[in-house]
Structures are given as C-alpha cells and as structure tokens.
C-alpha cells in the first residue's frame, strides 16, 4: 500500500489541475469548435499564459506522483 501522503498530494494536485483547466476554458467559447479564425490563431498573454504554464507544471507533477505511487506499491 502506498504512503498516505502521496495519495493526498496527488488528490490535491488533481484538484488544482482541474481548476486550472476550467479557468482556461472560461473565455474560449464555442467559436474555436466551428473554426472561427480569431479564436484559433491568437496568442496567449498575461493570465492565460500563466495558466497554461501552471497547467503544464501541474500535469508533470501529477504524473510524477502517479509513478511514485505505482513504484511504492
């Protein structure tokens, strides 16, 4: 059985990852699905760029915790 602190840490990272993804989808709208060019080819600035980087970091940390949990069991 893996240590409890790893499981709790992974749950907290998963919640944070879900929150960052949901915050990114806030301004997206349905335009990108139907091919509107203004939403497809725009660059990320400010908070969007920070959320993107935070999502990448949280995803990597989530995978690391998953590997650690599998290795410890």
N, C-alpha and C. Protein backbone atom coordinates (compact mmCIF):
# COMPACT_ATOMS: atom_id res chain seq x y z
N UNK A 1 0.85 -1.18 0.00
CA UNK A 1 0.00 0.00 0.00
C UNK A 1 0.89 1.25 0.00
N UNK A 2 0.64 2.17 -0.92
CA UNK A 2 1.46 3.38 -0.98
C UNK A 2 1.22 4.28 0.23
N UNK A 3 2.21 5.11 0.55
CA UNK A 3 2.04 6.02 1.68
C UNK A 3 0.86 6.97 1.48
N UNK A 4 0.20 7.28 2.57
CA UNK A 4 -0.99 8.12 2.52
C UNK A 4 -0.67 9.52 2.02
N UNK A 5 0.51 10.05 2.38
CA UNK A 5 0.84 11.42 1.98
C UNK A 5 0.97 11.54 0.47
N UNK A 6 1.41 10.48 -0.21
CA UNK A 6 1.48 10.54 -1.68
C UNK A 6 0.09 10.59 -2.30
N UNK A 7 -0.81 9.82 -1.74
CA UNK A 7 -2.18 9.80 -2.26
C UNK A 7 -2.86 11.15 -2.04
N UNK A 8 -2.69 11.71 -0.84
CA UNK A 8 -3.28 13.02 -0.54
C UNK A 8 -2.68 14.10 -1.44
N UNK A 9 -1.36 14.04 -1.64
CA UNK A 9 -0.71 15.02 -2.50
C UNK A 9 -1.22 14.92 -3.94
N UNK A 10 -1.41 13.69 -4.42
CA UNK A 10 -1.89 13.54 -5.79
C UNK A 10 -3.34 14.03 -5.92
N UNK A 11 -4.16 13.81 -4.91
CA UNK A 11 -5.53 14.32 -4.96
C UNK A 11 -5.54 15.84 -5.00
N UNK A 12 -4.68 16.47 -4.19
CA UNK A 12 -4.62 17.94 -4.20
C UNK A 12 -4.12 18.49 -5.54
N UNK A 13 -3.12 17.82 -6.11
CA UNK A 13 -2.62 18.24 -7.42
C UNK A 13 -3.70 18.04 -8.49
N UNK A 14 -4.45 16.96 -8.40
CA UNK A 14 -5.52 16.71 -9.37
C UNK A 14 -6.60 17.78 -9.29
N UNK A 15 -6.96 18.19 -8.08
CA UNK A 15 -7.96 19.25 -7.92
C UNK A 15 -7.45 20.56 -8.50
N UNK A 16 -6.18 20.88 -8.23
CA UNK A 16 -5.59 22.11 -8.77
C UNK A 16 -5.51 22.05 -10.30
N UNK A 17 -5.20 20.88 -10.84
CA UNK A 17 -5.12 20.72 -12.30
C UNK A 17 -6.50 20.90 -12.94
N UNK A 18 -7.51 20.34 -12.33
CA UNK A 18 -8.87 20.51 -12.85
C UNK A 18 -9.27 21.98 -12.82
N UNK A 19 -8.94 22.67 -11.73
CA UNK A 19 -9.29 24.09 -11.61
C UNK A 19 -8.59 24.93 -12.67
N UNK A 20 -7.31 24.68 -12.93
CA UNK A 20 -6.61 25.47 -13.94
C UNK A 20 -7.17 25.22 -15.33
N UNK A 21 -7.54 23.97 -15.62
CA UNK A 21 -8.12 23.68 -16.94
C UNK A 21 -9.48 24.37 -17.08
N UNK A 22 -10.27 24.35 -16.03
CA UNK A 22 -11.58 25.00 -16.10
C UNK A 22 -11.45 26.51 -16.23
N UNK A 23 -10.45 27.10 -15.58
CA UNK A 23 -10.24 28.55 -15.73
C UNK A 23 -9.80 28.89 -17.15
N UNK A 24 -9.06 28.02 -17.80
CA UNK A 24 -8.64 28.27 -19.18
C UNK A 24 -9.83 28.23 -20.13
N UNK A 25 -10.80 27.39 -19.88
CA UNK A 25 -11.95 27.26 -20.77
C UNK A 25 -12.95 28.38 -20.58
N UNK A 26 -12.75 29.25 -19.60
CA UNK A 26 -13.70 30.31 -19.29
C UNK A 26 -13.93 31.24 -20.48
N UNK A 27 -12.88 31.68 -21.15
CA UNK A 27 -13.04 32.65 -22.23
C UNK A 27 -13.03 32.05 -23.62
N UNK A 28 -12.99 30.75 -23.74
CA UNK A 28 -12.85 30.11 -25.04
C UNK A 28 -14.08 30.20 -25.91
N UNK A 29 -15.23 29.92 -25.36
CA UNK A 29 -16.45 29.93 -26.13
C UNK A 29 -16.52 28.78 -27.11
N UNK A 30 -17.53 28.80 -27.94
CA UNK A 30 -17.72 27.74 -28.93
C UNK A 30 -17.12 28.09 -30.28
N UNK A 31 -16.55 29.27 -30.40
CA UNK A 31 -16.03 29.70 -31.69
C UNK A 31 -14.92 28.83 -32.22
N UNK A 32 -14.05 28.35 -31.34
CA UNK A 32 -12.94 27.51 -31.78
C UNK A 32 -13.39 26.18 -32.33
N UNK A 33 -14.51 25.69 -31.88
CA UNK A 33 -15.02 24.40 -32.36
C UNK A 33 -15.44 24.51 -33.82
N UNK A 34 -16.03 25.63 -34.17
CA UNK A 34 -16.56 25.80 -35.52
C UNK A 34 -15.59 26.51 -36.45
N UNK A 35 -14.36 26.75 -36.00
CA UNK A 35 -13.33 27.25 -36.90
C UNK A 35 -13.26 28.75 -37.05
N UNK A 36 -13.69 29.52 -36.09
CA UNK A 36 -13.52 30.96 -36.19
C UNK A 36 -12.04 31.28 -36.08
N UNK A 37 -11.54 32.08 -37.02
CA UNK A 37 -10.10 32.32 -37.07
C UNK A 37 -9.62 33.18 -35.92
N UNK A 38 -10.43 34.06 -35.38
CA UNK A 38 -9.94 34.93 -34.32
C UNK A 38 -9.67 34.18 -33.03
N UNK A 39 -10.33 33.07 -32.80
CA UNK A 39 -10.09 32.32 -31.57
C UNK A 39 -9.05 31.22 -31.77
N UNK A 40 -8.77 30.86 -33.02
CA UNK A 40 -7.84 29.77 -33.26
C UNK A 40 -6.40 30.27 -33.29
N UNK A 41 -6.15 31.41 -33.92
CA UNK A 41 -4.79 31.88 -34.15
C UNK A 41 -4.42 33.08 -33.28
N UNK A 42 -4.83 33.12 -32.04
CA UNK A 42 -4.45 34.25 -31.21
C UNK A 42 -3.41 33.79 -30.20
N UNK A 43 -2.56 34.70 -29.79
CA UNK A 43 -1.51 34.34 -28.84
C UNK A 43 -2.01 34.51 -27.41
N UNK A 44 -1.40 33.77 -26.50
CA UNK A 44 -1.78 33.84 -25.09
C UNK A 44 -0.93 34.92 -24.42
N UNK A 45 -1.60 35.73 -23.60
CA UNK A 45 -0.89 36.79 -22.89
C UNK A 45 -1.38 36.86 -21.46
N UNK A 46 -0.51 37.33 -20.59
CA UNK A 46 -0.88 37.62 -19.22
C UNK A 46 -1.32 36.40 -18.44
N UNK A 47 -2.55 36.45 -17.95
CA UNK A 47 -3.08 35.39 -17.09
C UNK A 47 -3.23 34.09 -17.87
N UNK A 48 -3.61 34.15 -19.13
CA UNK A 48 -3.76 32.93 -19.93
C UNK A 48 -2.43 32.20 -20.06
N UNK A 49 -1.35 32.95 -20.27
CA UNK A 49 -0.03 32.34 -20.40
C UNK A 49 0.40 31.70 -19.07
N UNK A 50 0.12 32.39 -17.97
CA UNK A 50 0.45 31.85 -16.65
C UNK A 50 -0.35 30.59 -16.37
N UNK A 51 -1.64 30.59 -16.70
CA UNK A 51 -2.47 29.40 -16.50
C UNK A 51 -1.98 28.23 -17.35
N UNK A 52 -1.56 28.51 -18.55
CA UNK A 52 -1.04 27.45 -19.42
C UNK A 52 0.21 26.82 -18.82
N UNK A 53 1.14 27.66 -18.36
CA UNK A 53 2.36 27.14 -17.75
C UNK A 53 2.06 26.38 -16.46
N UNK A 54 1.13 26.90 -15.66
CA UNK A 54 0.76 26.23 -14.42
C UNK A 54 0.12 24.88 -14.71
N UNK A 55 -0.68 24.80 -15.77
CA UNK A 55 -1.31 23.53 -16.16
C UNK A 55 -0.25 22.50 -16.56
N UNK A 56 0.75 22.94 -17.29
CA UNK A 56 1.83 22.03 -17.71
C UNK A 56 2.60 21.53 -16.50
N UNK A 57 2.94 22.43 -15.58
CA UNK A 57 3.69 22.05 -14.38
C UNK A 57 2.87 21.08 -13.53
N UNK A 58 1.58 21.39 -13.33
CA UNK A 58 0.73 20.51 -12.52
C UNK A 58 0.56 19.14 -13.18
N UNK A 59 0.49 19.11 -14.50
CA UNK A 59 0.40 17.83 -15.21
C UNK A 59 1.64 16.98 -15.01
N UNK A 60 2.80 17.60 -15.07
CA UNK A 60 4.06 16.87 -14.85
C UNK A 60 4.15 16.38 -13.41
N UNK A 61 3.77 17.22 -12.45
CA UNK A 61 3.79 16.82 -11.04
C UNK A 61 2.81 15.68 -10.80
N UNK A 62 1.65 15.73 -11.44
CA UNK A 62 0.65 14.67 -11.30
C UNK A 62 1.22 13.34 -11.79
N UNK A 63 1.89 13.36 -12.93
CA UNK A 63 2.48 12.14 -13.48
C UNK A 63 3.59 11.61 -12.58
N UNK A 64 4.40 12.51 -12.02
CA UNK A 64 5.46 12.09 -11.11
C UNK A 64 4.87 11.41 -9.88
N UNK A 65 3.81 12.00 -9.30
CA UNK A 65 3.17 11.38 -8.16
C UNK A 65 2.58 10.02 -8.53
N UNK A 66 2.00 9.91 -9.72
CA UNK A 66 1.43 8.64 -10.14
C UNK A 66 2.51 7.57 -10.24
N UNK A 67 3.65 7.92 -10.80
CA UNK A 67 4.76 6.95 -10.92
C UNK A 67 5.27 6.57 -9.53
N UNK A 68 5.39 7.55 -8.64
CA UNK A 68 5.86 7.26 -7.29
C UNK A 68 4.89 6.34 -6.54
N UNK A 69 3.60 6.55 -6.73
CA UNK A 69 2.61 5.70 -6.08
C UNK A 69 2.69 4.27 -6.61
N UNK A 70 2.84 4.13 -7.92
CA UNK A 70 2.94 2.79 -8.51
C UNK A 70 4.22 2.10 -8.04
N UNK A 71 5.32 2.83 -7.97
CA UNK A 71 6.59 2.23 -7.56
C UNK A 71 6.59 1.84 -6.09
N UNK A 72 5.83 2.55 -5.27
CA UNK A 72 5.85 2.26 -3.84
C UNK A 72 4.86 1.16 -3.45
N UNK A 73 4.01 0.75 -4.38
CA UNK A 73 3.04 -0.30 -4.03
C UNK A 73 3.53 -1.68 -4.44
